[in-house]
Protein backbone atom coordinates (compact mmCIF):
# COMPACT_ATOMS: atom_id res chain seq x y z
CA MET A 1 5.62 28.36 -5.40
CA SER A 2 9.22 27.57 -5.68
CA THR A 3 12.17 28.34 -3.78
CA LEU A 4 14.94 26.38 -5.63
CA SER A 5 17.09 24.28 -3.36
CA THR A 6 20.87 23.77 -4.67
CA LEU A 7 20.20 20.08 -5.26
CA ALA A 8 16.78 20.41 -6.98
CA ALA A 9 18.64 22.95 -9.56
CA GLU A 10 21.13 20.01 -9.86
CA THR A 11 18.86 17.18 -10.30
CA THR A 12 16.41 18.95 -12.86
CA THR A 13 19.51 21.10 -14.78
CA GLY A 14 18.76 20.23 -18.70
CA SER A 15 15.05 20.95 -18.96
CA PRO A 16 12.65 21.28 -15.87
CA ALA A 17 10.07 21.86 -18.79
CA LEU A 18 11.06 18.35 -20.32
CA ASN A 19 10.59 16.57 -16.86
CA ILE A 20 7.04 17.64 -16.15
CA THR A 21 6.02 17.77 -20.01
CA ILE A 22 6.58 13.88 -20.24
CA PHE A 23 4.84 13.77 -16.55
CA VAL A 24 1.98 15.26 -17.63
CA VAL A 25 1.93 13.02 -20.82
CA PHE A 26 1.58 9.99 -18.48
CA VAL A 27 -1.26 11.52 -16.46
CA VAL A 28 -3.06 12.59 -19.90
CA ALA A 29 -2.74 9.29 -21.21
CA THR A 30 -3.44 7.29 -18.02
CA LEU A 31 -6.88 9.86 -17.86
CA ALA A 32 -7.67 8.97 -21.16
CA ILE A 33 -7.81 5.23 -20.56
CA VAL A 34 -9.74 5.55 -17.68
CA ILE A 35 -12.21 7.49 -19.45
CA LYS A 36 -12.71 5.15 -22.13
CA VAL A 37 -12.91 1.68 -20.29
CA ALA A 38 -15.00 3.06 -17.35
CA SER A 39 -18.26 4.05 -18.90
CA GLY A 40 -21.27 2.66 -17.45
CA HIS A 41 -20.17 1.90 -14.02
CA LYS A 42 -23.66 2.81 -12.79
CA THR A 43 -24.17 -0.32 -10.17
CA ALA A 44 -22.41 -1.08 -7.10
CA SER A 45 -21.00 -4.11 -8.76
CA GLN A 46 -19.64 -2.32 -11.65
CA MET A 47 -18.29 0.74 -9.26
CA TYR A 48 -16.68 -1.86 -6.72
CA THR A 49 -15.31 -4.74 -8.56
CA GLY A 50 -15.64 -4.00 -12.35
CA GLY A 51 -18.62 -6.46 -12.73
CA ALA A 52 -15.95 -9.48 -11.94
CA SER A 53 -15.22 -9.62 -15.61
CA PHE A 54 -11.15 -9.96 -15.15
CA SER A 55 -9.43 -13.17 -16.01
CA GLY A 56 -6.90 -14.09 -13.76
CA ARG A 57 -3.90 -13.09 -15.48
CA GLN A 58 -5.44 -9.70 -15.72
CA ASN A 59 -6.26 -9.61 -12.37
CA GLY A 60 -2.85 -10.93 -11.03
CA LEU A 61 -1.35 -7.95 -13.30
CA ALA A 62 -3.70 -5.45 -11.38
CA ILE A 63 -2.67 -6.81 -8.02
CA ALA A 64 1.00 -6.55 -8.95
CA GLY A 65 0.06 -2.81 -9.92
CA ASP A 66 -1.92 -2.68 -6.60
CA TYR A 67 0.82 -4.23 -4.56
CA LEU A 68 4.02 -2.34 -6.13
CA SER A 69 3.34 0.97 -4.71
CA ALA A 70 5.13 4.05 -4.00
CA ALA A 71 6.90 1.93 -1.04
CA SER A 72 8.01 -0.67 -3.36
CA PHE A 73 9.94 1.54 -5.80
CA LEU A 74 10.61 4.75 -3.93
CA GLY A 75 11.03 3.85 -0.41
CA ILE A 76 12.63 0.33 -0.76
CA ALA A 77 15.11 1.63 -3.28
CA GLY A 78 15.78 4.67 -0.71
CA ALA A 79 16.13 2.24 1.76
CA ILE A 80 18.40 0.17 0.57
CA ALA A 81 20.62 3.13 -1.05
CA LEU A 82 20.75 4.61 2.83
CA GLN A 83 20.81 0.97 4.80
CA GLY A 84 21.93 -1.19 2.59
CA TYR A 85 21.16 -5.06 3.31
CA ASP A 86 18.61 -3.77 6.34
CA GLY A 87 16.64 -1.99 3.62
CA PHE A 88 16.58 -5.15 1.53
CA LEU A 89 14.77 -6.72 4.42
CA TYR A 90 11.49 -4.57 3.05
CA SER A 91 11.57 -6.45 -0.30
CA ILE A 92 11.77 -9.93 1.25
CA GLY A 93 9.13 -9.20 3.77
CA PHE A 94 6.81 -7.70 1.32
CA LEU A 95 7.24 -10.84 -0.88
CA VAL A 96 6.89 -13.55 1.79
CA ALA A 97 3.68 -11.93 2.62
CA TRP A 98 2.25 -13.14 -0.49
CA LEU A 99 2.78 -16.90 0.57
CA VAL A 100 0.48 -16.05 3.75
CA ALA A 101 -2.33 -14.49 1.09
CA LEU A 102 -1.94 -17.23 -1.02
CA LEU A 103 -2.19 -20.33 1.10
CA LEU A 104 -4.53 -19.12 3.63
CA VAL A 105 -6.83 -16.49 2.44
CA ALA A 106 -7.00 -16.01 -1.45
CA GLU A 107 -9.74 -18.73 -2.82
CA LEU A 108 -11.55 -19.18 0.82
CA PHE A 109 -12.22 -15.00 0.89
CA ARG A 110 -13.29 -14.93 -2.67
CA ASN A 111 -15.80 -17.82 -2.43
CA THR A 112 -17.46 -16.38 0.86
CA GLY A 113 -17.77 -12.54 0.05
CA ARG A 114 -19.15 -10.17 -2.17
CA PHE A 115 -18.00 -6.80 -2.44
CA THR A 116 -16.15 -5.98 1.02
CA LEU A 117 -14.04 -7.15 3.84
CA ALA A 118 -17.17 -6.79 5.97
CA ASP A 119 -19.09 -9.01 3.92
CA VAL A 120 -17.00 -12.38 4.79
CA LEU A 121 -16.77 -10.91 8.47
CA SER A 122 -20.35 -10.76 8.94
CA TYR A 123 -21.30 -13.60 7.20
CA ARG A 124 -21.79 -15.70 10.47
CA LEU A 125 -21.96 -13.44 13.13
CA ARG A 126 -24.29 -10.06 13.81
CA GLN A 127 -24.50 -8.00 11.06
CA ARG A 128 -24.58 -4.43 12.57
CA PRO A 129 -21.89 -4.13 15.20
CA MET A 130 -19.18 -6.62 12.53
CA ARG A 131 -19.71 -3.90 9.66
CA ILE A 132 -19.26 -1.16 11.97
CA ALA A 133 -16.15 -2.31 13.38
CA THR A 134 -14.94 -3.79 9.93
CA ALA A 135 -15.38 -0.32 8.27
CA SER A 136 -13.45 1.31 11.06
CA SER A 137 -10.69 -0.90 10.59
CA VAL A 138 -10.62 -0.72 6.68
CA LEU A 139 -10.81 3.06 6.91
CA ALA A 140 -7.98 3.03 9.45
CA VAL A 141 -5.75 0.92 7.29
CA SER A 142 -6.64 3.07 3.97
CA PHE A 143 -5.53 5.94 5.69
CA PHE A 144 -2.25 4.59 7.00
CA TYR A 145 -1.76 3.34 3.22
CA LEU A 146 -2.63 6.60 1.56
CA LEU A 147 0.00 8.46 4.04
CA ALA A 148 2.59 6.84 2.34
CA GLN A 149 1.21 7.14 -1.01
CA MET A 150 0.65 11.08 -0.80
CA ALA A 151 3.92 11.43 0.88
CA GLY A 152 5.46 9.83 -2.28
CA ALA A 153 3.73 11.74 -4.81
CA GLY A 154 4.55 15.05 -2.89
CA SER A 155 8.42 14.53 -3.07
CA LEU A 156 8.20 13.10 -6.53
CA VAL A 157 6.82 16.05 -7.81
CA SER A 158 8.66 18.55 -5.88
CA LEU A 159 11.76 17.10 -7.21
CA LEU A 160 10.53 17.43 -10.79
CA LEU A 161 9.13 20.88 -10.21
CA GLY A 162 12.46 21.88 -8.33
CA VAL A 163 10.53 22.72 -5.14
CA ASP A 164 11.71 23.16 -1.66
CA GLY A 165 10.38 24.26 1.71
CA ALA A 166 7.27 22.54 3.87
CA ALA A 167 4.55 25.23 2.09
CA ALA A 168 5.64 24.48 -1.62
CA GLN A 169 5.46 20.84 -0.66
CA ASN A 170 2.12 20.67 0.83
CA ILE A 171 0.54 22.52 -2.23
CA VAL A 172 2.14 19.81 -4.65
CA ILE A 173 0.73 17.26 -2.09
CA ALA A 174 -2.91 19.06 -2.67
CA VAL A 175 -2.92 19.19 -6.26
CA VAL A 176 -1.72 15.85 -6.74
CA GLY A 177 -4.55 14.78 -4.27
CA ILE A 178 -7.03 16.38 -6.00
CA VAL A 179 -5.98 14.72 -9.67
CA MET A 180 -6.01 11.12 -7.81
CA VAL A 181 -9.51 11.57 -6.39
CA SER A 182 -10.57 12.57 -10.07
CA TYR A 183 -9.26 9.38 -11.40
CA VAL A 184 -11.49 7.30 -9.05
CA MET A 185 -14.69 9.26 -9.57
CA ILE A 186 -14.34 8.80 -13.13
CA GLY A 187 -13.06 5.50 -13.45
CA GLY A 188 -14.24 3.43 -10.79
CA MET A 189 -12.91 -0.20 -10.14
CA LYS A 190 -13.02 -1.05 -13.82
CA GLY A 191 -10.85 1.93 -14.94
CA THR A 192 -8.52 1.48 -11.94
CA THR A 193 -7.94 -1.93 -12.79
CA TRP A 194 -6.94 -1.11 -16.35
CA VAL A 195 -4.84 1.38 -15.12
CA GLN A 196 -2.98 -0.81 -12.36
CA MET A 197 -2.39 -3.53 -15.21
CA ILE A 198 -0.90 -0.81 -17.39
CA LYS A 199 1.39 0.78 -14.66
CA ALA A 200 2.61 -2.58 -13.52
CA VAL A 201 4.08 -3.52 -17.00
CA LEU A 202 5.32 0.17 -17.46
CA LEU A 203 6.95 0.08 -13.95
CA ILE A 204 8.32 -3.51 -14.02
CA LEU A 205 9.86 -2.66 -17.56
CA ALA A 206 11.44 0.56 -16.28
CA VAL A 207 12.86 -0.96 -13.46
CA ALA A 208 14.50 -4.05 -15.82
CA VAL A 209 15.90 -1.27 -17.68
CA MET A 210 17.21 0.82 -15.12
CA THR A 211 18.77 -2.51 -13.82
CA VAL A 212 20.64 -3.50 -16.76
CA TRP A 213 21.58 0.09 -17.01
CA VAL A 214 23.14 -0.03 -13.53
CA LEU A 215 24.91 -3.21 -13.97
CA GLY A 216 26.50 -2.15 -17.49
CA THR A 217 27.96 0.92 -16.16
CA PHE A 218 29.94 -1.60 -13.66
CA GLY A 219 30.63 -4.23 -15.91
CA PHE A 220 27.71 -6.25 -15.16
CA SER A 221 29.33 -7.10 -11.52
CA LEU A 222 26.63 -6.89 -8.96
CA SER A 223 29.58 -6.81 -6.38
CA GLY A 224 31.29 -4.05 -8.23
CA VAL A 225 27.80 -2.01 -7.69
CA MET A 226 27.74 -2.47 -4.13
CA GLN A 227 31.53 -2.04 -3.78
CA ALA A 228 30.76 1.63 -5.38
CA ALA A 229 27.89 2.26 -3.00
CA VAL A 230 30.42 1.36 0.30
CA ASP A 231 32.63 4.02 -1.54
CA GLU A 232 30.07 6.39 -1.96
CA ASN A 233 28.82 6.30 1.60
CA PRO A 234 31.49 6.50 4.26
CA ALA A 235 29.78 7.14 7.02
CA ALA A 236 28.12 3.38 6.53
CA GLY A 237 31.33 1.86 4.98
CA ASP A 238 30.89 -1.75 4.57
CA LYS A 239 28.00 -2.18 7.17
CA LEU A 240 25.86 -1.60 4.25
CA LEU A 241 26.46 -5.04 2.94
CA GLU A 242 25.68 -6.90 6.33
CA PRO A 243 22.77 -7.06 8.88
CA GLY A 244 22.49 -4.57 11.37
CA LEU A 245 23.06 -1.04 10.02
CA LYS A 246 19.60 0.07 11.03
CA TYR A 247 18.34 -2.38 13.34
CA GLY A 248 21.37 -3.77 14.61
CA GLY A 249 22.44 -0.77 17.03
CA SER A 250 20.88 -1.79 20.32
CA LEU A 251 18.48 -4.12 21.71
CA THR A 252 15.43 -1.78 21.06
CA THR A 253 16.43 -1.65 17.42
CA LYS A 254 16.93 -5.46 16.86
CA ILE A 255 13.18 -6.07 18.83
CA ASP A 256 11.63 -3.41 16.03
CA PHE A 257 12.89 -5.49 13.50
CA ILE A 258 11.14 -8.38 14.57
CA SER A 259 8.19 -6.08 14.94
CA LEU A 260 8.36 -5.02 11.48
CA SER A 261 9.07 -8.37 10.29
CA LEU A 262 5.69 -9.27 11.78
CA ALA A 263 4.03 -6.69 10.05
CA LEU A 264 5.16 -7.06 6.80
CA VAL A 265 4.82 -10.91 6.88
CA LEU A 266 1.39 -10.67 7.85
CA GLY A 267 -0.25 -7.38 6.96
CA THR A 268 -0.66 -8.24 3.22
CA ALA A 269 -3.54 -11.06 4.12
CA GLY A 270 -5.27 -8.24 5.83
CA LEU A 271 -5.34 -5.29 3.38
CA PRO A 272 -8.55 -4.42 2.33
CA HIS A 273 -7.95 -3.10 -1.11
CA VAL A 274 -5.44 -6.17 -1.96
CA LEU A 275 -8.69 -8.55 -0.46
CA GLN A 276 -11.07 -6.69 -2.71
CA ARG A 277 -9.21 -7.57 -5.77
CA PHE A 278 -10.53 -11.29 -5.41
CA TYR A 279 -14.08 -10.02 -6.45
CA THR A 280 -12.71 -8.53 -9.77
CA VAL A 281 -12.71 -12.06 -11.12
CA PRO A 282 -15.66 -14.49 -11.95
CA THR A 283 -14.25 -17.66 -10.05
CA SER A 284 -12.14 -19.01 -7.18
CA LYS A 285 -10.05 -20.93 -9.79
CA GLN A 286 -9.33 -17.45 -11.20
CA ALA A 287 -8.95 -16.11 -7.85
CA ARG A 288 -5.91 -18.55 -7.07
CA LYS A 289 -4.57 -17.67 -10.61
CA SER A 290 -4.41 -14.21 -9.95
CA VAL A 291 -2.29 -14.77 -6.68
CA GLU A 292 0.09 -17.04 -8.73
CA TRP A 293 0.82 -14.08 -11.20
CA ALA A 294 0.88 -11.70 -8.81
CA ILE A 295 3.62 -13.84 -7.15
CA TRP A 296 6.24 -13.69 -9.97
CA LEU A 297 5.79 -10.64 -11.15
CA ILE A 298 5.99 -9.25 -7.45
CA GLY A 299 9.22 -11.65 -6.88
CA GLY A 300 10.78 -10.82 -9.73
CA PHE A 301 10.68 -6.86 -9.24
CA TYR A 302 11.73 -7.04 -5.82
CA LEU A 303 14.96 -9.00 -6.59
CA LEU A 304 15.40 -5.73 -9.00
CA THR A 305 15.29 -3.29 -5.97
CA LEU A 306 18.68 -4.64 -4.91
CA VAL A 307 20.30 -3.19 -7.87
CA ILE A 308 18.11 -0.24 -8.04
CA GLY A 309 19.18 0.66 -4.36
CA TYR A 310 22.75 0.19 -4.22
CA GLY A 311 23.00 1.82 -7.95
CA ALA A 312 21.45 4.66 -6.38
CA GLY A 313 23.88 4.49 -3.48
CA ALA A 314 26.80 4.21 -5.86
CA LEU A 315 25.90 6.69 -8.62
CA VAL A 316 23.65 9.58 -6.76
CA GLY A 317 25.54 9.05 -2.88
CA ALA A 318 23.98 9.20 0.24
CA ASP A 319 24.54 12.89 0.51
CA ARG A 320 22.60 14.04 -2.24
CA ILE A 321 19.75 11.83 -1.60
CA ASN A 322 19.63 13.26 2.15
CA GLU A 323 19.46 16.73 0.85
CA ALA A 324 16.86 15.92 -1.95
CA PRO A 325 13.20 16.53 -1.25
CA GLY A 326 11.65 13.79 -0.07
CA LYS A 327 15.25 12.67 0.85
CA ALA A 328 15.36 8.86 0.62
CA ASN A 329 12.35 8.44 -1.46
CA ALA A 330 13.96 10.42 -3.97
CA ALA A 331 16.60 7.76 -4.65
CA ALA A 332 15.09 6.30 -7.90
CA PRO A 333 14.48 9.43 -9.51
CA LEU A 334 17.86 10.88 -8.85
CA LEU A 335 19.39 7.56 -10.00
CA ALA A 336 17.16 7.55 -13.59
CA PHE A 337 18.52 11.25 -14.12
CA GLU A 338 22.18 10.08 -13.18
CA LEU A 339 21.85 7.68 -15.99
CA GLY A 340 19.86 9.13 -18.70
CA GLY A 341 19.36 12.94 -17.78
CA SER A 342 15.78 14.67 -17.86
CA TRP A 343 14.42 12.44 -20.62
CA LEU A 344 14.61 9.36 -17.97
CA LEU A 345 14.04 11.18 -14.85
CA GLY A 346 10.54 12.11 -16.59
CA ILE A 347 9.90 8.71 -17.88
CA VAL A 348 10.31 7.28 -14.28
CA SER A 349 8.76 10.02 -12.67
CA GLY A 350 5.78 9.45 -14.78
CA ILE A 351 5.67 5.92 -14.38
CA ALA A 352 6.34 6.14 -10.69
CA PHE A 353 3.54 8.85 -10.49
CA ALA A 354 1.14 6.73 -12.17
CA THR A 355 2.17 3.70 -9.62
CA ILE A 356 1.14 5.84 -6.98
CA LEU A 357 -2.13 6.88 -9.02
CA ALA A 358 -3.30 3.19 -9.28
CA VAL A 359 -2.38 2.47 -5.94
CA VAL A 360 -4.09 5.36 -4.40
CA ALA A 361 -7.62 4.71 -6.51
CA GLY A 362 -7.56 1.22 -5.52
CA LEU A 363 -7.39 2.40 -1.99
CA THR A 364 -9.80 5.34 -2.27
CA ILE A 365 -12.50 2.42 -4.06
CA THR A 366 -12.09 -0.02 -0.95
CA ALA A 367 -12.57 2.53 1.47
CA SER A 368 -15.07 4.50 -0.27
CA ALA A 369 -17.05 0.82 -0.64
CA SER A 370 -16.75 -0.02 3.27
CA PHE A 371 -18.39 3.35 4.00
CA ALA A 372 -21.24 3.27 1.33
CA HIS A 373 -22.00 -0.50 1.30
CA ASP A 374 -21.21 -1.40 5.10
CA LEU A 375 -21.98 1.53 6.72
CA TYR A 376 -24.36 3.52 4.74
CA ASN A 377 -26.49 0.76 3.07
CA GLN A 378 -26.29 -2.06 5.62
CA VAL A 379 -26.25 -0.24 9.09
CA PHE A 380 -28.04 3.18 8.24
CA LYS A 381 -30.40 2.24 5.83
CA ASN A 382 -30.77 -1.65 6.89
CA GLY A 383 -29.75 -2.94 3.70
CA GLN A 384 -32.66 -1.02 1.77
CA ALA A 385 -30.79 1.66 -0.20
CA SER A 386 -30.62 1.70 -4.07
CA GLN A 387 -27.68 1.35 -5.74
CA GLU A 388 -27.96 4.57 -7.04
CA GLN A 389 -27.97 5.90 -3.59
CA GLU A 390 -25.27 3.83 -2.77
CA VAL A 391 -22.77 4.51 -5.37
CA LYS A 392 -23.66 8.36 -5.07
CA VAL A 393 -22.73 8.34 -1.14
CA SER A 394 -19.48 6.36 -2.48
CA ARG A 395 -18.56 9.14 -4.38
CA TYR A 396 -18.88 11.88 -1.66
CA ALA A 397 -16.73 9.28 0.31
CA VAL A 398 -14.21 9.74 -2.14
CA ILE A 399 -13.92 13.51 -1.71
CA GLY A 400 -13.71 12.83 1.94
CA ILE A 401 -10.99 10.26 2.02
CA GLY A 402 -9.23 12.74 -0.62
CA ILE A 403 -8.95 15.45 1.84
CA VAL A 404 -7.85 13.51 4.64
CA ALA A 405 -5.25 11.80 2.84
CA ILE A 406 -4.14 14.98 1.74
CA LEU A 407 -3.70 16.25 4.95
CA GLY A 408 -2.05 13.44 6.29
CA GLY A 409 0.25 13.48 3.35
CA MET A 410 1.68 16.83 4.41
CA LEU A 411 2.23 15.43 7.99
CA ALA A 412 4.25 12.69 6.41
CA LYS A 413 5.87 14.18 3.65
CA ASN A 414 9.67 13.50 5.35
CA GLN A 415 8.93 10.05 6.33
CA ASN A 416 10.42 6.95 4.30
CA ILE A 417 7.42 5.38 2.04
CA ALA A 418 8.30 1.79 2.76
CA PHE A 419 8.56 2.75 6.47
CA LEU A 420 4.69 3.94 6.21
CA VAL A 421 3.50 1.41 4.46
CA ALA A 422 4.66 -0.85 7.09
CA LEU A 423 2.65 1.09 9.74
CA ALA A 424 -0.35 0.24 7.35
CA PHE A 425 0.55 -3.43 7.37
CA ALA A 426 1.06 -3.67 11.37
CA VAL A 427 -2.55 -2.15 11.49
CA ALA A 428 -3.85 -4.84 9.12
CA ALA A 429 -2.22 -7.67 10.73
CA SER A 430 -3.64 -6.68 13.95
CA ALA A 431 -7.02 -5.61 13.22
CA ASN A 432 -8.26 -7.38 10.35
CA LEU A 433 -5.84 -10.70 10.29
CA PRO A 434 -7.27 -12.57 13.15
CA THR A 435 -10.48 -11.85 12.65
CA ILE A 436 -10.04 -13.03 8.80
CA LEU A 437 -8.44 -16.41 9.78
CA TYR A 438 -11.02 -17.15 12.82
CA SER A 439 -13.72 -16.85 10.79
CA LEU A 440 -12.50 -18.81 8.11
CA PHE A 441 -11.27 -21.80 10.20
CA TRP A 442 -12.70 -21.62 13.77
CA LYS A 443 -16.12 -22.78 14.40
CA ARG A 444 -16.32 -21.68 17.87
CA PHE A 445 -15.18 -17.65 17.13
CA ASN A 446 -18.47 -15.37 17.43
CA THR A 447 -19.32 -11.62 17.50
CA ARG A 448 -18.05 -10.87 20.88
CA GLY A 449 -14.30 -12.32 19.72
CA ALA A 450 -14.35 -10.48 16.51
CA LEU A 451 -15.36 -7.30 18.00
CA TRP A 452 -12.92 -7.68 20.83
CA SER A 453 -9.77 -8.45 18.21
CA MET A 454 -10.66 -5.85 15.61
CA TYR A 455 -10.92 -3.04 18.19
CA GLY A 456 -8.65 -4.23 20.38
CA GLY A 457 -5.71 -4.84 17.66
CA LEU A 458 -6.93 -1.95 15.91
CA GLY A 459 -7.02 0.60 19.03
CA ALA A 460 -3.44 -1.00 20.26
CA ALA A 461 -1.64 -0.28 16.86
CA ILE A 462 -2.96 3.13 16.47
CA VAL A 463 -2.49 4.37 20.16
CA LEU A 464 1.33 2.60 19.94
CA ILE A 465 2.12 4.29 16.59
CA ALA A 466 0.78 7.81 18.32
CA PHE A 467 2.91 7.48 21.22
CA SER A 468 6.07 6.30 18.97
CA PRO A 469 9.22 8.10 17.78
CA VAL A 470 7.17 7.95 14.27
CA VAL A 471 4.99 10.50 15.45
CA SER A 472 7.17 12.56 17.83
CA GLY A 473 10.52 12.81 19.52
CA SER A 474 12.49 12.09 16.49
CA GLU A 475 14.35 13.95 13.76
CA THR A 476 12.06 12.94 11.03
CA ALA A 477 8.97 12.72 13.68
CA MET A 478 5.48 13.64 11.95
CA ILE A 479 5.05 16.47 14.53
CA PRO A 480 8.63 18.14 14.55
CA GLY A 481 9.58 19.84 17.78
CA ALA A 482 6.81 17.62 19.97
CA ASP A 483 8.04 14.88 22.13
CA PHE A 484 5.38 13.03 23.89
CA SER A 485 6.98 9.35 22.58
CA ILE A 486 6.59 7.06 25.03
CA PHE A 487 6.57 3.80 23.31
CA PRO A 488 10.27 2.59 21.97
CA LEU A 489 9.16 0.71 18.84
CA ALA A 490 8.73 2.33 15.18
CA ASN A 491 6.43 -0.73 14.44
CA PRO A 492 3.46 -1.84 16.90
CA GLY A 493 3.09 -5.04 14.99
CA LEU A 494 5.08 -7.08 18.17
CA ILE A 495 2.74 -6.11 20.32
CA SER A 496 -0.88 -5.61 18.59
CA ILE A 497 -0.77 -8.46 16.50
CA PRO A 498 -0.43 -11.07 19.01
CA LEU A 499 -3.13 -9.14 21.07
CA GLY A 500 -5.24 -9.14 18.44
CA PHE A 501 -5.26 -12.79 18.05
CA PHE A 502 -5.66 -13.45 22.00
CA LEU A 503 -8.35 -11.15 22.10
CA GLY A 504 -10.51 -13.03 19.47
CA TRP A 505 -9.61 -16.19 21.50
CA LEU A 506 -10.77 -14.52 24.90
CA GLY A 507 -13.68 -12.73 23.76
CA SER A 508 -15.27 -16.06 21.99
CA VAL A 509 -14.42 -18.40 24.87
CA THR A 510 -16.25 -16.01 27.28
CA SER A 511 -19.20 -15.73 24.81
CA THR A 512 -22.03 -18.49 24.52
CA GLU A 513 -23.01 -17.13 21.01
CA PHE A 514 -22.42 -19.96 18.47
CA ASN A 515 -24.44 -20.43 15.25
CA ARG A 516 -23.67 -24.15 14.09
CA ALA A 517 -25.35 -23.97 11.23
CA LYS A 518 -24.16 -20.88 9.83
CA TYR A 519 -20.86 -21.62 10.54
CA ALA A 520 -21.31 -25.27 8.60
CA GLU A 521 -22.81 -23.08 5.85
CA MET A 522 -19.61 -20.86 5.52
CA GLU A 523 -17.20 -23.32 5.64
CA VAL A 524 -19.01 -25.33 2.86
CA ARG A 525 -19.31 -22.03 0.40
CA SER A 526 -15.76 -20.75 1.34
CA LEU A 527 -14.33 -24.40 0.38
CA THR A 528 -16.65 -25.08 -2.65
CA GLY A 529 -17.72 -21.40 -3.95
CA HIS A 530 -20.99 -23.10 -3.95
CA GLY A 531 -23.63 -19.85 -4.07
CA VAL A 532 -21.43 -17.43 -5.17
CA ALA A 533 -22.88 -17.31 -8.53
CA GLU A 534 -26.23 -16.02 -7.04
CA VAL A 535 -24.56 -12.67 -5.73
CA VAL A 536 -22.37 -11.93 -8.15
CA GLU A 537 -23.63 -8.91 -10.52
CA HIS A 538 -22.71 -8.73 -13.97
């Protein structure tokens, strides 16, 4: 399984066995927690929402654990190390996105639904077509997000084991995927939430320790860290400290940056695995409190990524990062090794893997819930399936989703994780956000508008990604050697997001459907929470 590369040998010098031992300890410890807290998730409510039994503070920690994914730690650190200021823009975009979620979506979404995104979007529209459309969108968004996590997991474990070569990394991704599916099968939402809470605390503490360590190495001077990063990357030089290194070279890259920014800022409010977390609290007040806690935790974390990224550029260097398994995604683990040797590398890698694990678990639960609750029960069985049958189907869906994630991760293993997550944000903002906002705020909105918006935004985003440099026609493309790239932008958000909103409007104004009573009922419920207690199962 292992062809040792020169760099991998260097980064794991000391004790590869120690690295992997610490890593395994983290995996076993989190699995033990899942087994302990997850007993009894027999009903759909317990499987999908943990019985709505978490406080706002607990859910805020879990949201931070869900949101601070491999992209936040591995991807952004690598982007800053190699691209400087332009890499830090990911941090800014991911953080600002939470304001949209807090101000426009969180409380209203919690008051209106029950288990899934489709519960909200089909509330005042025709159930069957809306649930099919929403499930399709949820599965697509989850797939793109899972690509990033699996790619991160593969590069991380490959670095720990010192393996190089596509075949070896593919085997690692497959093994990692099997482990992650096992967590979800055992834990459900309750077990996943506890892992996310613990992981959020560990990740923030680890990044804080590394930040202080990096600053201490340079006399607690942030400018000293940045200057050292410039010195270690002569190819980029002072451009690391100013806008434009990645997105300022041409008109196309500048437009691509606008597209990326639009996707990052609007994407969070349409992410189904984040939205489903609002159902794990008992009241809308606790839902608001969840987001407030999440914003503080996430904001503090993203400020620290600036030091981690430039620290990796200064102490590891761009050349070593680019030669490592996973390339940019290896920057943070390599920095940990540079600071504290195998011990710190093992600890940080274990925490990073727990990060990936928690996010994948949340994504998989959301996708399986959408398949089992929205498609199997509500569409195929007309709402007549028992909860035992629904949970059983969701477990089968977990296995299927895991297989798809493994295969996708193998294709995307050389892409920057933060960039891959930005694609998921673009799909979510194109397909889900227009329909969510129209459903909550526009009384004229109807089923045709929703279907045109979801299918149009989703289809546009996927087609543009398929014919973009991400998939073919570039050195880091998912399909090396192929070139059918005809869309110049790496992120489709600039086209697909406005198109989703436009199609939602056009479909609605060209249809005569309008259920005034149902809209009034939804408006009262979304603003007051009246009636939510009737459908929440404890």
